[in-house]
C-alpha atoms as a PDB file:
ATOM      1  CA  MET A   1       0.048  -0.295   0.150  1.00  0.00           C
ATOM      2  CA  LYS A   2       2.467   2.452   0.879  1.00  0.00           C
ATOM      3  CA  LEU A   3       4.694   1.655  -2.935  1.00  0.00           C
ATOM      4  CA  ILE A   4       1.184   2.351  -4.587  1.00  0.00           C
ATOM      5  CA  LEU A   5       1.192   5.385  -2.424  1.00  0.00           C
ATOM      6  CA  ILE A   6       4.837   6.668  -3.173  1.00  0.00           C
ATOM      7  CA  PHE A   7       4.502   6.006  -6.718  1.00  0.00           C
ATOM      8  CA  LEU A   8       1.050   8.324  -6.715  1.00  0.00           C
ATOM      9  CA  SER A   9       2.662  10.931  -5.145  1.00  0.00           C
ATOM     10  CA  LEU A  10       5.920  10.662  -7.936  1.00  0.00           C
ATOM     11  CA  PHE A  11       3.496  10.195 -10.390  1.00  0.00           C
ATOM     12  CA  ALA A  12       1.292  13.961  -9.204  1.00  0.00           C
ATOM     13  CA  LEU A  13       4.751  15.736  -8.561  1.00  0.00           C
ATOM     14  CA  LYS A  14       5.976  15.015 -12.845  1.00  0.00           C
ATOM     15  CA  THR A  15       3.053  15.917 -13.818  1.00  0.00           C
ATOM     16  CA  CYS A  16       3.040  19.253 -11.819  1.00  0.00           C
ATOM     17  CA  ASP A  17       6.262  19.840 -13.508  1.00  0.00           C
ATOM     18  CA  ASN A  18       5.722  19.096 -16.581  1.00  0.00           C
ATOM     19  CA  THR A  19       2.623  21.427 -16.427  1.00  0.00           C
ATOM     20  CA  GLN A  20       4.806  24.733 -14.544  1.00  0.00           C
ATOM     21  CA  LYS A  21       7.365  23.733 -17.636  1.00  0.00           C
ATOM     22  CA  TYR A  22       4.856  24.263 -20.092  1.00  0.00           C
ATOM     23  CA  MET A  23       3.200  27.440 -18.828  1.00  0.00           C
ATOM     24  CA  ASP A  24       6.964  28.761 -17.697  1.00  0.00           C
ATOM     25  CA  ALA A  25       7.733  28.609 -21.661  1.00  0.00           C
ATOM     26  CA  GLN A  26       8.232  32.526 -22.470  1.00  0.00           C
ATOM     27  CA  ASN A  27       5.790  33.782 -24.808  1.00  0.00           C
ATOM     28  CA  THR A  28       6.341  37.588 -26.240  1.00  0.00           C
ATOM     29  CA  THR A  29       3.104  37.944 -28.435  1.00  0.00           C
ATOM     30  CA  LEU A  30      -0.604  37.462 -28.431  1.00  0.00           C
ATOM     31  CA  SER A  31      -2.752  37.653 -30.871  1.00  0.00           C
ATOM     32  CA  GLY A  32      -5.491  36.703 -33.187  1.00  0.00           C
ATOM     33  CA  ASP A  33      -8.895  34.576 -33.116  1.00  0.00           C
ATOM     34  CA  TYR A  34      -9.765  31.564 -31.331  1.00  0.00           C
ATOM     35  CA  GLN A  35     -12.788  28.950 -30.727  1.00  0.00           C
ATOM     36  CA  ILE A  36     -12.963  28.420 -26.621  1.00  0.00           C
ATOM     37  CA  ASN A  37     -13.616  24.719 -26.783  1.00  0.00           C
ATOM     38  CA  TYR A  38     -12.409  23.992 -22.926  1.00  0.00           C
ATOM     39  CA  ILE A  39     -13.601  25.508 -19.857  1.00  0.00           C
ATOM     40  CA  ALA A  40     -12.874  23.601 -16.016  1.00  0.00           C
ATOM     41  CA  ASP A  41     -14.797  20.657 -17.694  1.00  0.00           C
ATOM     42  CA  LEU A  42     -17.820  21.947 -18.578  1.00  0.00           C
ATOM     43  CA  ASN A  43     -19.320  21.068 -21.489  1.00  0.00           C
ATOM     44  CA  LEU A  44     -19.164  23.716 -24.029  1.00  0.00           C
ATOM     45  CA  ASN A  45     -20.626  21.731 -27.541  1.00  0.00           C
ATOM     46  CA  ASP A  46     -23.998  23.998 -27.809  1.00  0.00           C
ATOM     47  CA  HIS A  47     -22.071  27.550 -26.791  1.00  0.00           C
ATOM     48  CA  ASN A  48     -19.868  28.625 -29.295  1.00  0.00           C
ATOM     49  CA  LEU A  49     -17.845  30.769 -27.303  1.00  0.00           C
ATOM     50  CA  THR A  50     -14.156  33.238 -28.113  1.00  0.00           C
ATOM     51  CA  ILE A  51     -11.559  35.147 -27.549  1.00  0.00           C
ATOM     52  CA  ALA A  52      -9.850  37.714 -29.846  1.00  0.00           C
ATOM     53  CA  PHE A  53      -6.373  39.358 -29.512  1.00  0.00           C
ATOM     54  CA  ASP A  54      -5.445  42.659 -30.963  1.00  0.00           C
ATOM     55  CA  ALA A  55      -1.774  43.135 -30.413  1.00  0.00           C
ATOM     56  CA  GLU A  56      -1.501  46.371 -32.179  1.00  0.00           C
ATOM     57  CA  THR A  57      -4.253  48.167 -29.830  1.00  0.00           C
ATOM     58  CA  LYS A  58      -4.109  45.747 -26.948  1.00  0.00           C
ATOM     59  CA  GLN A  59      -7.750  45.483 -26.926  1.00  0.00           C
ATOM     60  CA  VAL A  60      -9.471  41.497 -26.134  1.00  0.00           C
ATOM     61  CA  SER A  61     -12.709  40.707 -27.054  1.00  0.00           C
ATOM     62  CA  GLY A  62     -14.885  38.109 -27.774  1.00  0.00           C
ATOM     63  CA  PHE A  63     -18.213  36.064 -27.090  1.00  0.00           C
ATOM     64  CA  SER A  64     -18.751  34.472 -23.593  1.00  0.00           C
ATOM     65  CA  GLY A  65     -22.136  32.658 -24.427  1.00  0.00           C
ATOM     66  CA  CYS A  66     -24.783  35.311 -23.984  1.00  0.00           C
ATOM     67  CA  ASN A  67     -22.959  38.890 -24.999  1.00  0.00           C
ATOM     68  CA  ARG A  68     -19.744  40.552 -26.011  1.00  0.00           C
ATOM     69  CA  PHE A  69     -17.344  41.657 -24.351  1.00  0.00           C
ATOM     70  CA  SER A  70     -14.401  43.984 -24.471  1.00  0.00           C
ATOM     71  CA  GLY A  71     -11.334  45.371 -22.828  1.00  0.00           C
ATOM     72  CA  THR A  72      -7.321  45.528 -23.038  1.00  0.00           C
ATOM     73  CA  TYR A  73      -4.365  43.017 -22.212  1.00  0.00           C
ATOM     74  CA  THR A  74      -1.310  43.233 -21.048  1.00  0.00           C
ATOM     75  CA  VAL A  75       1.768  41.128 -21.942  1.00  0.00           C
ATOM     76  CA  LYS A  76       5.665  40.829 -20.521  1.00  0.00           C
ATOM     77  CA  LYS A  77       6.809  37.565 -21.572  1.00  0.00           C
ATOM     78  CA  ASN A  78       4.310  34.513 -21.001  1.00  0.00           C
ATOM     79  CA  THR A  79       2.464  36.518 -18.161  1.00  0.00           C
ATOM     80  CA  LEU A  80      -1.364  38.247 -18.976  1.00  0.00           C
ATOM     81  CA  LYS A  81      -3.250  40.182 -17.593  1.00  0.00           C
ATOM     82  CA  MET A  82      -6.932  41.272 -19.000  1.00  0.00           C
ATOM     83  CA  GLY A  83      -9.546  43.647 -18.058  1.00  0.00           C
ATOM     84  CA  PRO A  84     -11.704  45.367 -16.833  1.00  0.00           C
ATOM     85  CA  LEU A  85     -13.674  43.328 -19.119  1.00  0.00           C
ATOM     86  CA  ALA A  86     -16.762  45.238 -20.268  1.00  0.00           C
ATOM     87  CA  SER A  87     -20.057  43.058 -21.274  1.00  0.00           C
ATOM     88  CA  THR A  88     -23.296  43.718 -23.319  1.00  0.00           C
ATOM     89  CA  LYS A  89     -26.373  43.388 -21.182  1.00  0.00           C
ATOM     90  CA  MET A  90     -28.690  40.626 -23.194  1.00  0.00           C
ATOM     91  CA  PHE A  91     -31.017  38.612 -21.213  1.00  0.00           C
ATOM     92  CA  CYS A  92     -29.934  34.742 -21.967  1.00  0.00           C
ATOM     93  CA  ASP A  93     -31.477  31.349 -20.448  1.00  0.00           C
ATOM     94  CA  HIS A  94     -30.012  29.682 -17.472  1.00  0.00           C
ATOM     95  CA  SER A  95     -27.703  27.385 -19.780  1.00  0.00           C
ATOM     96  CA  LYS A  96     -26.222  30.258 -21.158  1.00  0.00           C
ATOM     97  CA  ASN A  97     -25.727  32.543 -18.083  1.00  0.00           C
ATOM     98  CA  ASN A  98     -24.331  29.734 -16.039  1.00  0.00           C
ATOM     99  CA  ILE A  99     -21.640  29.529 -19.137  1.00  0.00           C
ATOM    100  CA  GLU A 100     -20.980  33.477 -19.698  1.00  0.00           C
ATOM    101  CA  THR A 101     -20.523  33.848 -15.705  1.00  0.00           C
ATOM    102  CA  LYS A 102     -17.989  31.156 -15.018  1.00  0.00           C
ATOM    103  CA  LEU A 103     -16.159  31.912 -18.139  1.00  0.00           C
ATOM    104  CA  LEU A 104     -15.653  35.538 -17.546  1.00  0.00           C
ATOM    105  CA  GLU A 105     -14.767  34.830 -13.556  1.00  0.00           C
ATOM    106  CA  LEU A 106     -11.987  32.735 -15.214  1.00  0.00           C
ATOM    107  CA  LEU A 107     -10.442  35.490 -17.280  1.00  0.00           C
ATOM    108  CA  SER A 108     -10.402  37.802 -14.180  1.00  0.00           C
ATOM    109  CA  LYS A 109      -8.170  35.241 -12.854  1.00  0.00           C
ATOM    110  CA  VAL A 110      -5.610  34.578 -15.737  1.00  0.00           C
ATOM    111  CA  ASP A 111      -2.700  35.278 -15.280  1.00  0.00           C
ATOM    112  CA  THR A 112      -0.343  33.577 -17.631  1.00  0.00           C
ATOM    113  CA  PHE A 113      -0.204  31.855 -21.712  1.00  0.00           C
ATOM    114  CA  LYS A 114       0.830  29.650 -23.211  1.00  0.00           C
ATOM    115  CA  THR A 115       0.706  29.316 -27.377  1.00  0.00           C
ATOM    116  CA  ASN A 116       1.571  25.958 -28.974  1.00  0.00           C
ATOM    117  CA  GLY A 117       1.188  26.023 -32.729  1.00  0.00           C
ATOM    118  CA  ASP A 118      -2.777  27.213 -32.848  1.00  0.00           C
ATOM    119  CA  THR A 119      -3.963  26.150 -28.901  1.00  0.00           C
ATOM    120  CA  LEU A 120      -4.503  28.689 -26.510  1.00  0.00           C
ATOM    121  CA  ILE A 121      -3.511  27.951 -23.005  1.00  0.00           C
ATOM    122  CA  LEU A 122      -4.836  30.327 -20.084  1.00  0.00           C
ATOM    123  CA  ALA A 123      -4.000  29.548 -17.216  1.00  0.00           C
ATOM    124  CA  SER A 124      -3.429  30.629 -12.862  1.00  0.00           C
ATOM    125  CA  ASN A 125      -1.011  30.055 -11.453  1.00  0.00           C
ATOM    126  CA  LYS A 126      -0.111  27.193 -13.174  1.00  0.00           C
ATOM    127  CA  ASN A 127      -3.860  25.398 -12.974  1.00  0.00           C
ATOM    128  CA  ILE A 128      -4.837  25.493 -16.791  1.00  0.00           C
ATOM    129  CA  LEU A 129      -8.208  27.068 -17.044  1.00  0.00           C
ATOM    130  CA  ILE A 130      -9.105  28.208 -20.133  1.00  0.00           C
ATOM    131  CA  LYS A 131      -8.343  26.130 -23.552  1.00  0.00           C
ATOM    132  CA  ALA A 132      -9.324  27.272 -27.611  1.00  0.00           C
ATOM    133  CA  ASN A 133      -8.121  26.802 -31.016  1.00  0.00           C
ATOM    134  CA  LYS A 134      -6.995  29.518 -33.482  1.00  0.00           C
ATOM    135  CA  THR A 135      -9.861  30.410 -36.334  1.00  0.00           C
ATOM    136  CA  GLU A 136      -9.402  32.659 -39.560  1.00  0.00           C
ATOM    137  CA  LYS A 137      -9.392  36.060 -38.601  1.00  0.00           C
ATOM    138  CA  GLU A 138     -12.757  38.273 -37.687  1.00  0.00           C
ATOM    139  CA  GLU A 139     -11.123  40.497 -40.665  1.00  0.00           C
ATOM    140  CA  GLU A 140     -11.358  37.850 -43.097  1.00  0.00           C
ATOM    141  CA  SER A 141     -14.674  36.108 -42.023  1.00  0.00           C
ATOM    142  CA  ILE A 142     -16.694  38.933 -41.858  1.00  0.00           C
ATOM    143  CA  SER A 143     -18.624  41.425 -44.568  1.00  0.00           C
ATOM    144  CA  PHE A 144     -21.793  43.893 -44.565  1.00  0.00           C
ATOM    145  CA  GLU A 145     -24.705  44.337 -46.660  1.00  0.00           C
ATOM    146  CA  TYR A 146     -26.527  47.579 -47.568  1.00  0.00           C
ATOM    147  CA  SER A 147     -29.642  48.608 -49.257  1.00  0.00           C
ATOM    148  CA  ALA A 148     -32.704  51.021 -49.113  1.00  0.00           C
ATOM    149  CA  HIS A 149     -34.811  51.532 -51.910  1.00  0.00           C
ATOM    150  CA  SER A 150     -37.850  53.822 -53.022  1.00  0.00           C
ATOM    151  CA  ARG A 151     -39.721  55.192 -56.076  1.00  0.00           C
ATOM    152  CA  GLY A 152     -36.464  57.640 -56.043  1.00  0.00           C
ATOM    153  CA  THR A 153     -33.636  55.843 -54.032  1.00  0.00           C
ATOM    154  CA  PHE A 154     -31.574  53.217 -54.800  1.00  0.00           C
ATOM    155  CA  LYS A 155     -28.840  51.739 -53.026  1.00  0.00           C
ATOM    156  CA  HIS A 156     -26.658  48.462 -53.051  1.00  0.00           C
ATOM    157  CA  ILE A 157     -23.817  48.258 -50.991  1.00  0.00           C
ATOM    158  CA  ILE A 158     -21.440  45.392 -49.906  1.00  0.00           C
ATOM    159  CA  ILE A 159     -18.299  45.665 -48.297  1.00  0.00           C
ATOM    160  CA  SER A 160     -16.025  42.983 -47.283  1.00  0.00           C
ATOM    161  CA  LYS A 161     -11.996  42.509 -46.433  1.00  0.00           C
ATOM    162  CA  LYS A 162     -10.941  41.969 -49.605  1.00  0.00           C
ATOM    163  CA  GLN A 163     -13.327  44.850 -51.941  1.00  0.00           C
ATOM    164  CA  PHE A 164     -15.934  47.000 -52.523  1.00  0.00           C
ATOM    165  CA  SER A 165     -18.964  47.193 -54.079  1.00  0.00           C
ATOM    166  CA  ILE A 166     -21.367  49.853 -55.265  1.00  0.00           C
ATOM    167  CA  GLN A 167     -24.320  50.596 -56.920  1.00  0.00           C
ATOM    168  CA  ASN A 168     -26.154  53.816 -56.279  1.00  0.00           C
ATOM    169  CA  ASN A 169     -28.884  53.703 -59.187  1.00  0.00           C
ATOM    170  CA  ARG A 170     -31.014  51.121 -60.520  1.00  0.00           C
ATOM    171  CA  GLY A 171     -29.750  49.647 -63.616  1.00  0.00           C
ATOM    172  CA  ASP A 172     -25.808  51.156 -63.177  1.00  0.00           C
ATOM    173  CA  VAL A 173     -23.358  48.288 -63.555  1.00  0.00           C
ATOM    174  CA  PRO A 174     -21.904  48.066 -59.660  1.00  0.00           C
ATOM    175  CA  LEU A 175     -18.629  49.770 -59.178  1.00  0.00           C
ATOM    176  CA  VAL A 176     -16.231  47.417 -57.527  1.00  0.00           C
ATOM    177  CA  LYS A 177     -13.136  48.434 -56.538  1.00  0.00           C
ATOM    178  CA  LYS A 178     -10.477  46.848 -53.523  1.00  0.00           C
ATOM    179  CA  SER A 179     -10.909  48.048 -50.189  1.00  0.00           C
ATOM    180  CA  ASN A 180      -8.804  49.853 -48.341  1.00  0.00           C
ATOM    181  CA  GLN A 181      -7.357  49.462 -45.446  1.00  0.00           C
ATOM    182  CA  ALA A 182      -8.704  52.009 -43.472  1.00  0.00           C
ATOM    183  CA  HIS A 183     -12.029  51.727 -44.828  1.00  0.00           C
ATOM    184  CA  TRP A 184     -12.112  48.612 -43.375  1.00  0.00           C
ATOM    185  CA  ASN A 185     -10.483  49.548 -39.848  1.00  0.00           C
ATOM    186  CA  THR A 186     -12.822  51.843 -39.516  1.00  0.00           C
ATOM    187  CA  LEU A 187     -15.833  49.647 -40.384  1.00  0.00           C
ATOM    188  CA  LEU A 188     -14.825  46.774 -37.819  1.00  0.00           C
ATOM    189  CA  LYS A 189     -14.261  49.256 -35.120  1.00  0.00           C
ATOM    190  CA  ALA A 190     -18.249  50.127 -35.762  1.00  0.00           C
ATOM    191  CA  SER A 191     -19.027  46.248 -36.085  1.00  0.00           C
ATOM    192  CA  LYS A 192     -17.681  46.126 -32.722  1.00  0.00           C
ATOM    193  CA  PRO A 193     -20.117  46.994 -29.690  1.00  0.00           C
ATOM    194  CA  ILE A 194     -22.719  45.207 -32.197  1.00  0.00           C
ATOM    195  CA  ASP A 195     -24.668  42.117 -31.346  1.00  0.00           C
ATOM    196  CA  ILE A 196     -24.280  40.203 -34.055  1.00  0.00           C
ATOM    197  CA  GLU A 197     -27.146  37.594 -33.347  1.00  0.00           C
ATOM    198  CA  ALA A 198     -29.448  40.590 -31.838  1.00  0.00           C
ATOM    199  CA  ILE A 199     -30.009  42.079 -35.199  1.00  0.00           C
ATOM    200  CA  PRO A 200     -32.578  41.012 -36.341  1.00  0.00           C
ATOM    201  CA  ASN A 201     -34.451  41.498 -33.476  1.00  0.00           C
ATOM    202  CA  LEU A 202     -33.939  45.263 -33.683  1.00  0.00           C
ATOM    203  CA  LYS A 203     -36.382  47.906 -33.516  1.00  0.00           C
ATOM    204  CA  ALA A 204     -37.084  50.991 -36.257  1.00  0.00           C
ATOM    205  CA  PRO A 205     -37.033  54.071 -34.832  1.00  0.00           C
ATOM    206  CA  SER A 206     -39.362  55.647 -37.175  1.00  0.00           C
ATOM    207  CA  GLU A 207     -41.469  54.245 -39.491  1.00  0.00           C
ATOM    208  CA  LYS A 208     -41.828  57.051 -42.673  1.00  0.00           C
ATOM    209  CA  ARG A 209     -40.901  54.198 -45.188  1.00  0.00           C
ATOM    210  CA  PHE A 210     -44.315  53.368 -44.825  1.00  0.00           C
ATOM    211  CA  TYR A 211     -45.796  56.099 -46.168  1.00  0.00           C
ATOM    212  CA  ASP A 212     -42.954  56.780 -48.649  1.00  0.00           C
ATOM    213  CA  GLY A 213     -41.333  59.098 -46.278  1.00  0.00           C
ATOM    214  CA  ALA A 214     -38.100  57.354 -46.536  1.00  0.00           C
ATOM    215  CA  ALA A 215     -36.843  55.034 -48.914  1.00  0.00           C
ATOM    216  CA  ILE A 216     -37.011  51.315 -47.365  1.00  0.00           C
ATOM    217  CA  ALA A 217     -33.535  49.916 -45.843  1.00  0.00           C
ATOM    218  CA  ASN A 218     -32.071  46.826 -44.664  1.00  0.00           C
ATOM    219  CA  LEU A 219     -28.795  45.824 -43.086  1.00  0.00           C
ATOM    220  CA  LYS A 220     -27.415  42.092 -43.409  1.00  0.00           C
ATOM    221  CA  ILE A 221     -24.323  40.754 -41.738  1.00  0.00           C
ATOM    222  CA  ILE A 222     -22.659  37.987 -43.372  1.00  0.00           C
ATOM    223  CA  TYR A 223     -20.410  35.891 -40.000  1.00  0.00           C
ATOM    224  CA  LYS A 224     -18.570  32.808 -40.753  1.00  0.00           C
ATOM    225  CA  GLY A 225     -21.154  32.589 -43.558  1.00  0.00           C
ATOM    226  CA  LYS A 226     -23.825  32.652 -41.704  1.00  0.00           C
ATOM    227  CA  THR A 227     -26.399  35.711 -42.181  1.00  0.00           C
ATOM    228  CA  PHE A 228     -27.543  37.968 -39.901  1.00  0.00           C
ATOM    229  CA  GLU A 229     -30.260  40.591 -40.963  1.00  0.00           C
ATOM    230  CA  THR A 230     -32.373  43.336 -39.741  1.00  0.00           C
ATOM    231  CA  PRO A 231     -35.805  44.325 -39.882  1.00  0.00           C
ATOM    232  CA  SER A 232     -36.348  46.858 -42.002  1.00  0.00           C
ATOM    233  CA  PHE A 233     -35.859  50.370 -41.313  1.00  0.00           C
ATOM    234  CA  ASP A 234     -35.748  53.930 -42.245  1.00  0.00           C
ATOM    235  CA  HIS A 235     -33.300  54.869 -44.790  1.00  0.00           C
ATOM    236  CA  GLY A 236     -31.123  57.532 -43.074  1.00  0.00           C
ATOM    237  CA  ASN A 237     -32.873  56.928 -39.602  1.00  0.00           C
ATOM    238  CA  PRO A 238     -31.016  53.587 -38.537  1.00  0.00           C
ATOM    239  CA  PRO A 239     -31.862  51.614 -34.976  1.00  0.00           C
ATOM    240  CA  LYS A 240     -29.112  52.734 -32.764  1.00  0.00           C
ATOM    241  CA  GLU A 241     -27.608  49.782 -32.157  1.00  0.00           C
ATOM    242  CA  ILE A 242     -25.806  49.771 -35.917  1.00  0.00           C
ATOM    243  CA  ALA A 243     -26.309  53.024 -36.334  1.00  0.00           C
ATOM    244  CA  GLU A 244     -22.379  54.274 -36.311  1.00  0.00           C
ATOM    245  CA  LEU A 245     -21.517  51.689 -39.065  1.00  0.00           C
ATOM    246  CA  VAL A 246     -24.609  52.440 -41.176  1.00  0.00           C
ATOM    247  CA  LYS A 247     -23.415  55.940 -40.713  1.00  0.00           C
ATOM    248  CA  GLU A 248     -19.235  54.593 -41.531  1.00  0.00           C
ATOM    249  CA  ILE A 249     -20.800  52.184 -44.656  1.00  0.00           C
ATOM    250  CA  LEU A 250     -22.621  55.574 -46.426  1.00  0.00           C
ATOM    251  CA  SER A 251     -20.160  57.228 -46.146  1.00  0.00           C
ATOM    252  CA  ILE A 252     -17.228  55.255 -47.355  1.00  0.00           C
ATOM    253  CA  SER A 253     -20.096  54.921 -50.296  1.00  0.00           C
ATOM    254  CA  GLU A 254     -20.374  58.435 -50.965  1.00  0.00           C
ATOM    255  CA  ASN A 255     -16.541  58.910 -51.060  1.00  0.00           C
ATOM    256  CA  ILE A 256     -15.153  56.260 -52.462  1.00  0.00           C
ATOM    257  CA  GLU A 257     -13.628  56.477 -55.981  1.00  0.00           C
END
């Protein structure tokens, strides 16, 4: 019996030592988009949890199961500090709320990280808290489509990382241009606060389109192959949640050369 206990103790010490050596490896940068696939033994099969790090702006953001979160982060060697993190205020079911509460709690405890290829490990006091796999860059997996039409108005604008397609009159051939990085960065910044999954439920602030007082407008956000579409709203008066993004889309369409 004593021999078994000694063996188990030595095995535990060896495992702890290996984990410590793994987490002690020095990283100098942290960037990219990740899909979270492990949180302290919780089942994440039905939860699309993400986290993204922007090395240039030192901004961290992601989706925690019910809401989107964002904040700042700092890195020194393989140490990592995040927060404070701000979050949107959507209400979700009990299961999603539990996952979100747990994830945000663990993120507040993270003090070290390790990347190994496409795998990201977040830990606290050498204990692994979160595991994630790198995904396609968010800026390359999102695009925007805006349309507005009435008897006297027509606009159809499609903007992606690679190109802009702008049509301002019926029957015209769309003007297609290579995307301008500055314009694209502006759109990404305007889209960050938006809860994409919630836009199908947005309420239009006015109803002039129903009596020809405004063109009928619509916004689509295509994200990772899935389309999220707003209900119709008055061109020139979008729901406040998407107002900044719509403003930037229209500004680009009017100033493109």
